[in-house]
Amino acid sequence: MSEDKRIVALYVRVSTGYQVDKDSLPFQKKELKAYCEHVLHIDKKRIEIFEDAGKSGKNTKRPAFERMMEKVKHGQVSHVIVYKIDRISRNLVDFSLMYDDFKYNKVTFISLNEQFDTSSAIGEAILKIILVFAELERKLTSERVTDVMIGRAQSGQWNGARVPYGWDWDDEKKCPVHSKVEAKYVRQMYSDYLNGGSSVSIAKSYNANKIPTKRGGEWTSKTIADVIRNPMNKGDYRYNYRESARGRKKPQEEVIYIKGIFEPLVSINDWEKANKLMDGRGLKMNSSGQTIMNKRCNVFTGLIFCGRCGERYNVRSKDSRQGSGFRPSSYACGKRSRKGTCDNPNVSDVAIAPIIINYIAAMADIAKHKRHIKTTKELEQIILKRISFSDIVGISEDSLKDTLDLLYGKNGTQLWSANTVSQEDKSENKQKLTELQAKLEKIERAIERLKKAFLFDDDGLDEKEFLEMKSALEIDRVKIENEIKGMETESISVNVNQVEFIKTASQYLLMHEMNKDEIINYKELAIADEDSIKNLFNSVLDHITVIDKHITEIVFKNGLTHKLLYK
């Protein structure tokens, strides 16, 4: 929208205690209109007044303010003018969030009383100074609160966090006590583990017997391990252990650890034995290949999904090196490995990688032989020729029809066309992606500031307001993340010809192999350049689905889905 068509927003507000004199609504409106007319020379038709009467400035839950900000976010406002800064916000955190929106949407902010105008260098500088002090105040408040909480922890006082499984909060004693319901299950965990059970088997047993976690969910090997590892169960208090609930561990010197604060839930001897046993099992896992596995390339990481329960398959181990020097990876269903409640077996590179690499080569063949492919039967034959070594007997008719439609652009999208994306389209996509990423960063900053305002600001939000505002920001964040993901996917998989399709993943060696009219030997290729294969798979595939070690579905980055048929 051009500058002369955007509105000039005059924002006025009074609370119940400011109804007269220079803070009255009529006075504010009169002064702002005069400024627009005599100083800015703005056409009266462009002026719109947003008026909140009897509304507090401690937060932004004001009807006229929210209506004005909606117009700002839609690019309909050129100026926002107030009589005094505290008319629009008395909360510096809210003010800095609001100014982010102004700056992003190229809105000039003017305050008559403080005499600054952000369209000028001086006005911008003054505002930045205000925001610097706002940020400093937030950090000082945060540090003061942290110091108080650490002081409480050092004296053995509970800091109000959620009590762990096995414990309940006692309002009279103002401290955690043994849970009448959960304590017996914690003791049973230690007993089962010391008697040969594993975290997976215990999780499976508890889930089968409908024993919920603290939040009413299902147990996993990790949540079982977390309970066994918790020093609170032997009576010790550990605080300031992680940066956040699931964040990185803090340096040892920052952790507060006080022994004997609580009545032990299990004996110290049982706790020490169980944790020593868990440490030993972890070392065995490392010596059998975990360290090597982390240094090795696992080509299907994040790409395999279970056809039974829908969980992602995770890397289980790097298998023993074969005579050829090839070391395949083994992958396990996440639900099976964490909870033991899925019976879909593990799968190895040996079983699926040769099919996938040759299937991708077949899709490149389709681009080469496009002129000769008229029917779904001809299309299927080209693909099956590449994977004749497998027990796949066919591809679903719907999958083949969709491929033909994509191949000939019947649905507006091409599979791998002869023409790459134009430089103009690339530039537009890049600009849009940059704008989306900037919006995402702004929302993430807003969420962080909102949290600080709720936790540390004396005039901050109540819990309901905080949750409503946080929910709205989270919804916006997810929408933008999905849009960015869609653009990144499209940039890789739409309108890319056969050569570009391979070059996208820097596959010069693979390009030579895939252009041969013969079946690709995956093992030889993997020994030579496993990293390149992983890049190729991640560039081309969205995911694959497996059942009983068979690939039942291949989903490409451009949304094309192939369902495979077996004998």
Protein backbone atom coordinates (compact mmCIF):
# COMPACT_ATOMS: atom_id res chain seq x y z
CA MET A 1 0.00 0.00 0.00
CA SER A 2 1.41 3.40 -0.99
CA GLU A 3 2.34 5.93 1.71
CA ASP A 4 -0.49 8.38 0.91
CA LYS A 5 -3.11 5.65 1.21
CA ARG A 6 -2.01 4.37 4.61
CA ILE A 7 -3.72 5.77 7.69
CA VAL A 8 -2.19 7.88 10.46
CA ALA A 9 -3.22 6.26 13.75
CA LEU A 10 -3.74 8.57 16.73
CA TYR A 11 -3.81 6.48 19.88
CA VAL A 12 -5.39 7.92 23.04
CA ARG A 13 -6.04 6.28 26.39
CA VAL A 14 -7.14 7.11 29.91
CA SER A 15 -7.46 4.88 32.92
CA THR A 16 -10.17 5.47 35.53
CA GLY A 17 -7.80 7.69 37.52
CA TYR A 18 -6.89 9.99 34.64
CA GLN A 19 -10.03 11.64 33.31
CA VAL A 20 -9.25 15.34 33.58
CA ASP A 21 -6.77 18.06 32.68
CA LYS A 22 -3.92 17.22 30.32
CA ASP A 23 -4.53 13.48 30.47
CA SER A 24 -8.14 13.68 29.35
CA LEU A 25 -9.21 12.13 26.07
CA PRO A 26 -10.42 15.42 24.49
CA PHE A 27 -7.12 17.10 25.31
CA GLN A 28 -5.05 14.26 23.83
CA LYS A 29 -7.13 14.16 20.63
CA LYS A 30 -6.97 17.94 20.22
CA GLU A 31 -3.18 18.04 20.58
CA LEU A 32 -2.59 15.10 18.24
CA LYS A 33 -4.88 16.46 15.52
CA ALA A 34 -3.19 19.86 15.71
CA TYR A 35 0.21 18.22 15.35
CA CYS A 36 -0.90 16.28 12.28
CA GLU A 37 -2.40 19.39 10.68
CA HIS A 38 0.25 22.03 11.43
CA VAL A 39 3.49 20.01 11.68
CA LEU A 40 3.07 16.93 9.50
CA HIS A 41 0.53 18.50 7.09
CA ILE A 42 -1.45 15.28 6.85
CA ASP A 43 -4.81 15.10 5.11
CA LYS A 44 -7.63 14.74 7.66
CA LYS A 45 -9.07 11.86 5.65
CA ARG A 46 -6.03 9.76 6.51
CA ILE A 47 -6.38 10.27 10.28
CA GLU A 48 -8.03 7.55 12.37
CA ILE A 49 -8.41 7.77 16.15
CA PHE A 50 -8.08 4.67 18.34
CA GLU A 51 -9.53 5.37 21.77
CA ASP A 52 -9.35 3.22 24.91
CA ALA A 53 -11.27 4.76 27.81
CA GLY A 54 -10.88 3.38 31.31
CA LYS A 55 -8.19 0.87 30.28
CA SER A 56 -4.95 0.27 32.18
CA GLY A 57 -1.60 0.65 30.40
CA LYS A 58 0.05 -2.20 32.28
CA ASN A 59 -0.62 -4.60 29.40
CA THR A 60 -1.85 -4.61 25.79
CA LYS A 61 -5.27 -6.23 26.34
CA ARG A 62 -7.15 -3.15 25.10
CA PRO A 63 -9.75 -3.29 22.28
CA ALA A 64 -8.71 -0.16 20.37
CA PHE A 65 -5.01 -0.92 20.74
CA GLU A 66 -5.48 -4.47 19.42
CA ARG A 67 -7.54 -3.15 16.50
CA MET A 68 -4.81 -0.65 15.67
CA MET A 69 -2.06 -3.29 15.83
CA GLU A 70 -4.00 -5.53 13.44
CA LYS A 71 -3.94 -2.70 10.88
CA VAL A 72 -0.23 -2.17 11.55
CA LYS A 73 0.50 -5.85 10.86
CA HIS A 74 -1.47 -5.67 7.60
CA GLY A 75 0.61 -2.71 6.38
CA GLN A 76 -2.27 -0.22 6.57
CA VAL A 77 -0.62 2.31 8.92
CA SER A 78 2.13 4.84 8.13
CA HIS A 79 2.32 6.64 11.54
CA VAL A 80 1.34 5.90 15.12
CA ILE A 81 1.20 9.09 17.18
CA VAL A 82 0.63 9.39 20.95
CA TYR A 83 0.65 12.27 23.39
CA LYS A 84 2.92 10.45 25.86
CA ILE A 85 4.64 7.05 25.71
CA ASP A 86 2.80 5.84 28.82
CA ARG A 87 -0.51 6.34 26.95
CA ILE A 88 0.35 3.46 24.65
CA SER A 89 2.28 1.33 27.15
CA ARG A 90 3.51 1.54 30.74
CA ASN A 91 5.21 -1.84 30.35
CA LEU A 92 8.63 -1.53 28.69
CA VAL A 93 8.57 -5.17 27.62
CA ASP A 94 5.27 -4.67 25.79
CA PHE A 95 6.60 -1.46 24.31
CA SER A 96 9.67 -3.17 22.83
CA LEU A 97 7.47 -5.92 21.33
CA MET A 98 5.16 -3.30 19.85
CA TYR A 99 8.09 -1.39 18.37
CA ASP A 100 9.31 -4.57 16.65
CA ASP A 101 6.00 -4.60 14.77
CA PHE A 102 6.29 -0.89 13.92
CA LYS A 103 9.80 -1.26 12.55
CA TYR A 104 9.02 -4.39 10.53
CA ASN A 105 5.97 -2.74 8.93
CA LYS A 106 7.77 0.61 8.31
CA VAL A 107 5.60 2.59 10.73
CA THR A 108 6.88 5.90 12.12
CA PHE A 109 6.26 6.26 15.86
CA ILE A 110 5.91 9.76 17.35
CA SER A 111 5.44 10.86 20.96
CA LEU A 112 4.63 14.54 21.45
CA ASN A 113 5.51 14.80 25.12
CA GLU A 114 8.91 13.09 24.85
CA GLN A 115 9.58 14.92 21.59
CA PHE A 116 10.90 12.13 19.47
CA ASP A 117 10.06 10.87 16.01
CA THR A 118 11.49 7.57 14.78
CA SER A 119 11.60 8.82 11.20
CA SER A 120 14.63 10.89 12.26
CA ALA A 121 18.06 9.56 13.29
CA ILE A 122 17.85 11.27 16.70
CA GLY A 123 14.37 9.89 17.40
CA GLU A 124 15.48 6.38 16.46
CA ALA A 125 18.54 6.71 18.71
CA ILE A 126 16.46 7.88 21.69
CA LEU A 127 14.09 4.98 21.28
CA LYS A 128 16.97 2.51 21.09
CA ILE A 129 18.36 3.94 24.33
CA ILE A 130 14.98 3.37 25.96
CA LEU A 131 14.92 -0.21 24.71
CA VAL A 132 18.49 -0.83 25.94
CA PHE A 133 17.48 0.22 29.44
CA ALA A 134 14.33 -1.90 29.18
CA GLU A 135 16.47 -4.94 28.32
CA LEU A 136 18.91 -4.10 31.13
CA GLU A 137 16.03 -3.89 33.61
CA ARG A 138 14.69 -7.27 32.46
CA LYS A 139 18.12 -8.88 32.87
CA LEU A 140 18.68 -7.33 36.30
CA THR A 141 15.25 -8.52 37.42
CA SER A 142 16.02 -12.01 36.11
CA GLU A 143 19.37 -12.06 37.93
CA ARG A 144 17.75 -10.90 41.18
CA VAL A 145 15.13 -13.63 40.97
CA THR A 146 17.79 -16.24 40.13
CA ASP A 147 19.92 -15.17 43.10
CA VAL A 148 16.91 -15.45 45.42
CA MET A 149 16.04 -18.93 44.13
CA ILE A 150 19.64 -20.16 44.43
CA GLY A 151 19.75 -18.78 47.98
CA ARG A 152 16.57 -20.68 48.82
CA ALA A 153 17.99 -23.86 47.33
CA GLN A 154 21.21 -23.52 49.32
CA SER A 155 19.14 -23.37 52.50
CA GLY A 156 17.22 -26.50 51.45
CA GLN A 157 13.97 -24.77 50.47
CA TRP A 158 11.98 -26.05 47.49
CA ASN A 159 11.77 -23.55 44.64
CA GLY A 160 8.30 -24.34 43.39
CA ALA A 161 9.13 -26.54 40.39
CA ARG A 162 6.95 -29.56 39.55
CA VAL A 163 7.77 -32.34 42.02
CA PRO A 164 9.14 -35.50 40.36
CA TYR A 165 7.43 -38.87 40.03
CA GLY A 166 7.10 -40.59 43.42
CA TRP A 167 6.59 -37.32 45.31
CA ASP A 168 3.67 -35.00 46.12
CA TRP A 169 3.57 -31.43 47.35
CA ASP A 170 2.50 -30.90 50.99
CA ASP A 171 0.87 -27.47 51.39
CA GLU A 172 1.18 -27.53 55.18
CA LYS A 173 4.86 -28.51 55.32
CA LYS A 174 5.66 -26.49 52.17
CA CYS A 175 7.89 -29.24 50.84
CA PRO A 176 7.71 -32.46 48.77
CA VAL A 177 6.69 -35.68 50.55
CA HIS A 178 6.40 -39.32 49.49
CA SER A 179 3.40 -39.89 47.22
CA LYS A 180 0.83 -42.32 48.59
CA VAL A 181 0.14 -43.57 45.07
CA GLU A 182 3.44 -43.29 43.18
CA ALA A 183 6.08 -44.07 45.84
CA LYS A 184 5.46 -47.84 45.69
CA TYR A 185 5.97 -47.85 41.92
CA VAL A 186 9.31 -46.04 42.27
CA ARG A 187 10.52 -48.61 44.77
CA GLN A 188 9.36 -51.37 42.42
CA MET A 189 11.36 -49.78 39.58
CA TYR A 190 14.58 -50.01 41.57
CA SER A 191 13.79 -53.57 42.61
CA ASP A 192 13.01 -54.69 39.04
CA TYR A 193 16.12 -53.00 37.67
CA LEU A 194 18.41 -54.54 40.28
CA ASN A 195 16.87 -57.97 39.56
CA GLY A 196 17.85 -57.92 35.89
CA GLY A 197 15.16 -55.77 34.33
CA SER A 198 15.92 -53.05 31.80
CA SER A 199 14.44 -49.59 31.40
CA VAL A 200 12.63 -50.84 28.27
CA SER A 201 11.15 -53.91 29.96
CA ILE A 202 10.03 -51.86 32.99
CA ALA A 203 8.40 -49.26 30.72
CA LYS A 204 6.62 -52.03 28.80
CA SER A 205 5.37 -53.60 32.03
CA TYR A 206 4.10 -50.32 33.50
CA ASN A 207 2.32 -49.40 30.26
CA ALA A 208 0.73 -52.84 30.03
CA ASN A 209 -0.55 -52.47 33.59
CA LYS A 210 -1.95 -48.98 32.90
CA ILE A 211 0.38 -47.24 35.37
CA PRO A 212 0.63 -43.62 34.10
CA THR A 213 3.49 -41.16 34.37
CA LYS A 214 3.21 -38.00 36.46
CA ARG A 215 1.46 -36.26 33.57
CA GLY A 216 -0.76 -39.20 32.70
CA GLY A 217 1.27 -40.38 29.68
CA GLU A 218 3.06 -43.61 28.76
CA TRP A 219 6.45 -44.66 30.09
CA THR A 220 9.57 -44.81 27.93
CA SER A 221 13.07 -46.11 28.60
CA LYS A 222 14.17 -42.50 29.17
CA THR A 223 11.47 -41.62 31.71
CA ILE A 224 12.25 -44.82 33.63
CA ALA A 225 15.97 -43.95 33.57
CA ASP A 226 15.20 -40.40 34.75
CA VAL A 227 13.42 -41.76 37.83
CA ILE A 228 16.25 -44.18 38.65
CA ARG A 229 18.83 -41.41 38.16
CA ASN A 230 17.04 -38.82 40.32
CA PRO A 231 19.14 -38.20 43.49
CA MET A 232 16.04 -36.90 45.27
CA ASN A 233 14.96 -40.55 45.67
CA LYS A 234 17.90 -41.09 48.07
CA GLY A 235 17.08 -37.83 49.92
CA ASP A 236 19.45 -35.37 48.17
CA TYR A 237 18.46 -32.01 46.70
CA ARG A 238 19.93 -31.02 43.32
CA TYR A 239 19.11 -27.60 41.87
CA ASN A 240 20.30 -25.51 38.90
CA TYR A 241 21.33 -28.73 37.15
CA ARG A 242 20.18 -27.82 33.61
CA GLU A 243 19.69 -24.60 31.66
CA SER A 244 16.01 -25.55 31.23
CA ALA A 245 13.80 -28.58 31.91
CA ARG A 246 15.37 -30.50 29.01
CA GLY A 247 18.30 -28.22 28.27
CA ARG A 248 22.04 -28.72 28.51
CA LYS A 249 23.65 -29.64 31.80
CA LYS A 250 25.29 -26.73 33.60
CA PRO A 251 28.94 -26.74 34.77
CA GLN A 252 29.46 -28.66 37.99
CA GLU A 253 30.45 -25.53 39.91
CA GLU A 254 27.03 -23.94 39.20
CA VAL A 255 25.02 -26.94 40.44
CA ILE A 256 23.68 -26.83 43.99
CA TYR A 257 23.76 -30.27 45.60
CA ILE A 258 22.81 -30.78 49.25
CA LYS A 259 22.69 -34.25 50.80
CA GLY A 260 20.06 -35.52 53.21
CA ILE A 261 17.41 -32.83 52.73
CA PHE A 262 14.47 -35.21 52.18
CA GLU A 263 13.40 -38.50 53.67
CA PRO A 264 14.82 -41.15 51.25
CA LEU A 265 12.27 -42.87 49.02
CA VAL A 266 14.63 -45.83 48.48
CA SER A 267 17.71 -46.81 50.45
CA ILE A 268 20.94 -45.06 49.54
CA ASN A 269 22.47 -48.49 48.93
CA ASP A 270 19.79 -49.46 46.37
CA TRP A 271 20.09 -46.09 44.61
CA GLU A 272 23.87 -46.39 44.32
CA LYS A 273 23.67 -49.99 43.07
CA ALA A 274 21.03 -49.21 40.44
CA ASN A 275 22.94 -46.19 39.14
CA LYS A 276 26.23 -48.08 39.06
CA LEU A 277 24.51 -50.85 37.10
CA MET A 278 23.06 -48.29 34.66
CA ASP A 279 26.52 -46.73 34.21
CA GLY A 280 27.98 -50.17 33.47
CA ARG A 281 25.35 -50.96 30.88
CA GLY A 282 26.01 -47.64 29.20
CA LEU A 283 29.75 -48.37 28.99
CA LYS A 284 29.06 -51.75 27.42
CA MET A 285 26.94 -50.08 24.78
CA ASN A 286 29.76 -47.67 23.99
CA SER A 287 32.40 -50.38 23.74
CA SER A 288 30.22 -52.36 21.32
CA GLY A 289 30.10 -49.58 18.77
CA GLN A 290 28.24 -46.49 20.01
CA THR A 291 31.25 -44.21 19.75
CA ILE A 292 32.12 -45.52 16.29
CA MET A 293 28.50 -45.22 15.24
CA ASN A 294 28.41 -41.51 16.07
CA LYS A 295 31.42 -40.96 13.86
CA ARG A 296 29.97 -43.03 11.03
CA CYS A 297 27.37 -41.97 8.51
CA ASN A 298 23.88 -43.43 8.91
CA VAL A 299 22.24 -42.72 5.58
CA PHE A 300 18.59 -43.19 6.66
CA THR A 301 18.66 -41.09 9.84
CA GLY A 302 15.23 -39.45 10.23
CA LEU A 303 13.82 -40.99 7.02
CA ILE A 304 12.30 -44.31 8.14
CA PHE A 305 8.85 -44.57 9.75
CA CYS A 306 7.08 -47.57 11.24
CA GLY A 307 4.10 -48.79 9.21
CA ARG A 308 2.49 -50.26 12.34
CA CYS A 309 2.60 -47.53 14.98
CA GLY A 310 3.73 -44.49 12.98
CA GLU A 311 6.84 -43.82 15.09
CA ARG A 312 10.14 -42.78 13.52
CA TYR A 313 12.87 -45.43 13.26
CA ASN A 314 16.07 -44.47 15.10
CA VAL A 315 19.65 -45.62 14.57
CA ARG A 316 20.24 -48.67 16.76
CA SER A 317 23.86 -49.51 15.93
CA LYS A 318 26.48 -49.75 13.25
CA ASP A 319 26.70 -53.43 12.31
CA SER A 320 29.94 -55.43 12.01
CA ARG A 321 32.09 -54.72 8.99
CA GLN A 322 31.49 -57.20 6.20
CA GLY A 323 34.24 -58.81 4.10
CA SER A 324 33.87 -56.12 1.45
CA GLY A 325 34.49 -53.41 4.06
CA PHE A 326 30.85 -52.26 4.07
CA ARG A 327 29.31 -51.47 7.49
CA PRO A 328 25.52 -51.20 7.33
CA SER A 329 23.47 -49.42 9.97
CA SER A 330 20.62 -51.00 11.90
CA TYR A 331 17.45 -49.01 12.67
CA ALA A 332 14.73 -49.72 15.25
CA CYS A 333 11.17 -48.44 15.73
CA GLY A 334 11.21 -45.71 18.37
CA LYS A 335 8.19 -47.12 20.16
CA ARG A 336 9.70 -50.59 20.19
CA SER A 337 13.04 -49.38 21.59
CA ARG A 338 11.56 -46.93 24.14
CA LYS A 339 8.39 -48.69 25.27
CA GLY A 340 8.61 -52.21 23.89
CA THR A 341 5.00 -51.95 22.66
CA CYS A 342 5.55 -52.34 18.88
CA ASP A 343 6.50 -55.61 17.20
CA ASN A 344 7.78 -54.20 13.91
CA PRO A 345 11.32 -55.65 13.57
CA ASN A 346 14.57 -53.75 13.11
CA VAL A 347 15.71 -53.01 9.57
CA SER A 348 19.19 -52.69 8.07
CA ASP A 349 20.76 -50.78 5.19
CA VAL A 350 21.41 -54.17 3.60
CA ALA A 351 17.65 -54.72 3.16
CA ILE A 352 16.44 -51.30 2.04
CA ALA A 353 19.30 -49.13 0.72
CA PRO A 354 19.86 -51.04 -2.57
CA ILE A 355 16.14 -50.71 -3.35
CA ILE A 356 16.04 -46.98 -2.58
CA ILE A 357 19.18 -46.04 -4.55
CA ASN A 358 17.95 -47.96 -7.59
CA TYR A 359 14.42 -46.59 -7.20
CA ILE A 360 15.79 -43.05 -7.36
CA ALA A 361 17.83 -44.03 -10.42
CA ALA A 362 14.59 -45.35 -11.96
CA MET A 363 12.94 -41.97 -11.41
CA ALA A 364 15.85 -40.38 -13.29
CA ASP A 365 15.30 -42.96 -16.07
CA ILE A 366 11.70 -41.78 -16.31
CA ALA A 367 12.90 -38.24 -17.11
CA LYS A 368 15.21 -39.60 -19.84
CA HIS A 369 12.52 -41.78 -21.46
CA LYS A 370 9.58 -39.41 -20.97
CA ARG A 371 8.61 -39.38 -24.67
CA HIS A 372 8.19 -43.16 -24.73
CA ILE A 373 6.07 -43.43 -21.57
CA LYS A 374 2.37 -43.28 -22.38
CA THR A 375 0.78 -45.72 -19.92
CA THR A 376 1.10 -46.64 -16.26
CA LYS A 377 2.22 -50.13 -17.32
CA GLU A 378 5.20 -48.73 -19.26
CA LEU A 379 6.05 -46.51 -16.30
CA GLU A 380 5.94 -49.45 -13.90
CA GLN A 381 8.18 -51.58 -16.12
CA ILE A 382 10.94 -48.94 -16.11
CA ILE A 383 10.94 -48.84 -12.31
CA LEU A 384 10.70 -52.60 -11.77
CA LYS A 385 13.60 -53.17 -14.18
CA ARG A 386 15.87 -51.26 -11.78
CA ILE A 387 14.71 -53.20 -8.70
CA SER A 388 14.35 -56.67 -10.27
CA PHE A 389 16.57 -58.12 -7.51
CA SER A 390 13.86 -57.39 -4.89
CA ASP A 391 10.60 -59.20 -4.17
CA ILE A 392 8.51 -56.15 -5.15
CA VAL A 393 5.99 -57.23 -7.79
CA GLY A 394 4.29 -53.96 -8.53
CA ILE A 395 3.38 -50.37 -7.70
CA SER A 396 -0.12 -49.20 -6.85
CA GLU A 397 -2.10 -47.87 -9.81
CA ASP A 398 -2.84 -44.58 -8.02
CA SER A 399 0.88 -43.99 -7.50
CA LEU A 400 1.60 -44.59 -11.18
CA LYS A 401 -1.22 -42.28 -12.33
CA ASP A 402 0.01 -39.51 -10.04
CA THR A 403 3.52 -39.93 -11.48
CA LEU A 404 2.24 -39.62 -15.05
CA ASP A 405 0.29 -36.50 -14.10
CA LEU A 406 3.40 -34.96 -12.58
CA LEU A 407 5.57 -36.04 -15.50
CA TYR A 408 3.37 -34.27 -18.04
CA GLY A 409 2.40 -31.36 -15.81
CA LYS A 410 -1.32 -32.22 -15.74
CA ASN A 411 -1.68 -30.93 -12.19
CA GLY A 412 0.45 -27.84 -12.72
CA THR A 413 3.63 -29.32 -11.29
CA GLN A 414 6.38 -31.16 -13.12
CA LEU A 415 8.34 -34.07 -11.73
CA TRP A 416 11.79 -33.31 -13.14
CA SER A 417 11.36 -31.11 -16.20
CA ALA A 418 13.87 -30.08 -18.81
CA ASN A 419 13.79 -26.48 -17.57
CA THR A 420 15.20 -25.37 -14.27
CA VAL A 421 13.69 -22.60 -12.17
CA SER A 422 14.22 -19.15 -13.69
CA GLN A 423 16.59 -16.73 -11.98
CA GLU A 424 13.66 -14.37 -11.40
CA ASP A 425 11.64 -17.06 -9.61
CA LYS A 426 14.66 -18.02 -7.55
CA SER A 427 15.16 -14.38 -6.51
CA GLU A 428 11.50 -13.98 -5.52
CA ASN A 429 11.55 -17.22 -3.51
CA LYS A 430 14.77 -16.20 -1.79
CA GLN A 431 13.32 -12.81 -0.84
CA LYS A 432 10.12 -14.39 0.48
CA LEU A 433 12.11 -16.96 2.45
CA THR A 434 14.22 -14.18 4.00
CA GLU A 435 11.06 -12.29 5.00
CA LEU A 436 9.54 -15.43 6.57
CA GLN A 437 12.72 -16.15 8.51
CA ALA A 438 12.75 -12.56 9.79
CA LYS A 439 9.12 -12.93 10.93
CA LEU A 440 9.99 -16.21 12.64
CA GLU A 441 12.90 -14.61 14.52
CA LYS A 442 10.64 -11.76 15.62
CA ILE A 443 8.00 -14.17 16.95
CA GLU A 444 10.64 -16.16 18.82
CA ARG A 445 11.93 -12.94 20.41
CA ALA A 446 8.37 -11.99 21.30
CA ILE A 447 7.76 -15.35 23.00
CA GLU A 448 10.96 -14.99 25.01
CA ARG A 449 10.09 -11.45 26.10
CA LEU A 450 6.57 -12.52 26.97
CA LYS A 451 7.92 -15.22 29.26
CA LYS A 452 10.19 -12.70 30.98
CA ALA A 453 7.31 -10.25 31.39
CA PHE A 454 5.15 -12.94 33.00
CA LEU A 455 7.89 -14.17 35.33
CA PHE A 456 9.73 -11.02 36.33
CA ASP A 457 7.71 -7.86 35.68
CA ASP A 458 5.90 -6.43 38.70
CA ASP A 459 3.20 -4.96 36.44
CA GLY A 460 3.23 -8.01 34.19
CA LEU A 461 0.53 -10.29 32.88
CA ASP A 462 -1.70 -12.58 34.85
CA GLU A 463 -1.58 -16.27 33.95
CA LYS A 464 -4.66 -16.23 31.69
CA GLU A 465 -3.37 -13.28 29.65
CA PHE A 466 0.06 -14.88 29.40
CA LEU A 467 -1.34 -18.20 28.12
CA GLU A 468 -3.63 -16.49 25.60
CA MET A 469 -0.83 -14.34 24.17
CA LYS A 470 1.68 -17.20 24.17
CA SER A 471 -0.80 -19.49 22.40
CA ALA A 472 -1.43 -16.90 19.67
CA LEU A 473 2.31 -16.44 19.11
CA GLU A 474 2.92 -20.20 19.03
CA ILE A 475 0.21 -20.63 16.38
CA ASP A 476 1.85 -17.92 14.24
CA ARG A 477 5.25 -19.54 14.73
CA VAL A 478 4.06 -22.98 13.58
CA LYS A 479 2.33 -21.47 10.51
CA ILE A 480 5.51 -19.69 9.44
CA GLU A 481 7.71 -22.74 10.12
CA ASN A 482 5.42 -24.86 7.94
CA GLU A 483 5.51 -22.25 5.17
CA ILE A 484 9.32 -22.10 5.31
CA LYS A 485 9.54 -25.89 5.25
CA GLY A 486 7.24 -25.99 2.24
CA MET A 487 9.36 -23.44 0.35
CA GLU A 488 12.61 -25.24 1.16
CA THR A 489 11.09 -28.54 0.01
CA GLU A 490 9.80 -26.97 -3.20
CA SER A 491 13.17 -25.40 -3.98
CA ILE A 492 14.77 -28.85 -3.95
CA SER A 493 12.18 -31.01 -5.59
CA VAL A 494 10.06 -29.01 -8.05
CA ASN A 495 11.18 -28.09 -11.60
CA VAL A 496 14.57 -29.76 -11.35
CA ASN A 497 15.92 -31.74 -14.30
CA GLN A 498 17.76 -35.03 -14.04
CA VAL A 499 21.27 -33.53 -13.83
CA GLU A 500 20.25 -30.71 -11.46
CA PHE A 501 18.33 -33.22 -9.35
CA ILE A 502 21.58 -35.05 -8.65
CA LYS A 503 23.80 -31.96 -8.44
CA THR A 504 21.54 -30.53 -5.75
CA ALA A 505 23.06 -33.04 -3.36
CA SER A 506 26.57 -32.64 -4.84
CA GLN A 507 26.34 -36.14 -6.30
CA TYR A 508 28.95 -36.15 -9.07
CA LEU A 509 29.97 -39.75 -8.43
CA LEU A 510 26.34 -40.82 -8.11
CA MET A 511 25.42 -38.99 -11.30
CA HIS A 512 27.79 -41.22 -13.24
CA GLU A 513 26.42 -44.36 -11.61
CA MET A 514 22.76 -43.44 -11.95
CA ASN A 515 23.04 -42.68 -15.66
CA LYS A 516 24.16 -46.22 -16.37
CA ASP A 517 21.47 -48.58 -17.64
CA GLU A 518 22.30 -51.20 -15.04
CA ILE A 519 21.53 -51.97 -11.44
CA ILE A 520 23.61 -49.92 -8.99
CA ASN A 521 25.78 -51.84 -6.53
CA TYR A 522 24.92 -49.98 -3.35
CA LYS A 523 27.63 -51.53 -1.18
CA GLU A 524 30.44 -50.48 -3.51
CA LEU A 525 29.02 -46.98 -3.71
CA ALA A 526 28.60 -46.72 0.08
CA ILE A 527 32.18 -47.79 0.76
CA ALA A 528 33.42 -45.05 -1.57
CA ASP A 529 31.13 -42.16 -0.54
CA GLU A 530 28.47 -42.81 2.10
CA ASP A 531 28.08 -39.12 2.94
CA SER A 532 27.06 -38.31 -0.64
CA ILE A 533 24.41 -41.02 -0.57
CA LYS A 534 23.01 -39.58 2.65
CA ASN A 535 22.87 -36.11 1.06
CA LEU A 536 21.09 -37.54 -1.97
CA PHE A 537 18.49 -39.38 0.12
CA ASN A 538 17.78 -36.27 2.20
CA SER A 539 17.46 -34.13 -0.93
CA VAL A 540 15.03 -36.45 -2.69
CA LEU A 541 13.09 -38.33 -0.01
CA ASP A 542 10.59 -37.06 2.53
CA HIS A 543 10.36 -40.46 4.21
CA ILE A 544 9.88 -44.18 3.67
CA THR A 545 7.58 -46.56 5.56
CA VAL A 546 8.55 -50.12 6.49
CA ILE A 547 6.63 -53.16 7.73
CA ASP A 548 8.35 -56.48 8.48
CA LYS A 549 11.59 -55.25 6.85
CA HIS A 550 9.72 -54.39 3.62
CA ILE A 551 9.47 -50.89 2.18
CA THR A 552 5.73 -50.34 1.77
CA GLU A 553 5.76 -46.65 0.84
CA ILE A 554 8.22 -44.12 -0.59
CA VAL A 555 7.31 -40.43 -0.25
CA PHE A 556 9.37 -37.96 -2.27
CA LYS A 557 10.10 -34.34 -1.37
CA ASN A 558 7.65 -33.05 -3.97
CA GLY A 559 4.80 -34.98 -2.31
CA LEU A 560 4.71 -37.86 -4.80
CA THR A 561 3.92 -41.13 -3.00
CA HIS A 562 4.67 -44.64 -4.31
CA LYS A 563 3.04 -47.61 -2.59
CA LEU A 564 4.84 -50.89 -3.26
CA LEU A 565 3.20 -54.31 -3.71
CA TYR A 566 4.68 -57.63 -2.65
CA LYS A 567 3.89 -61.30 -3.31
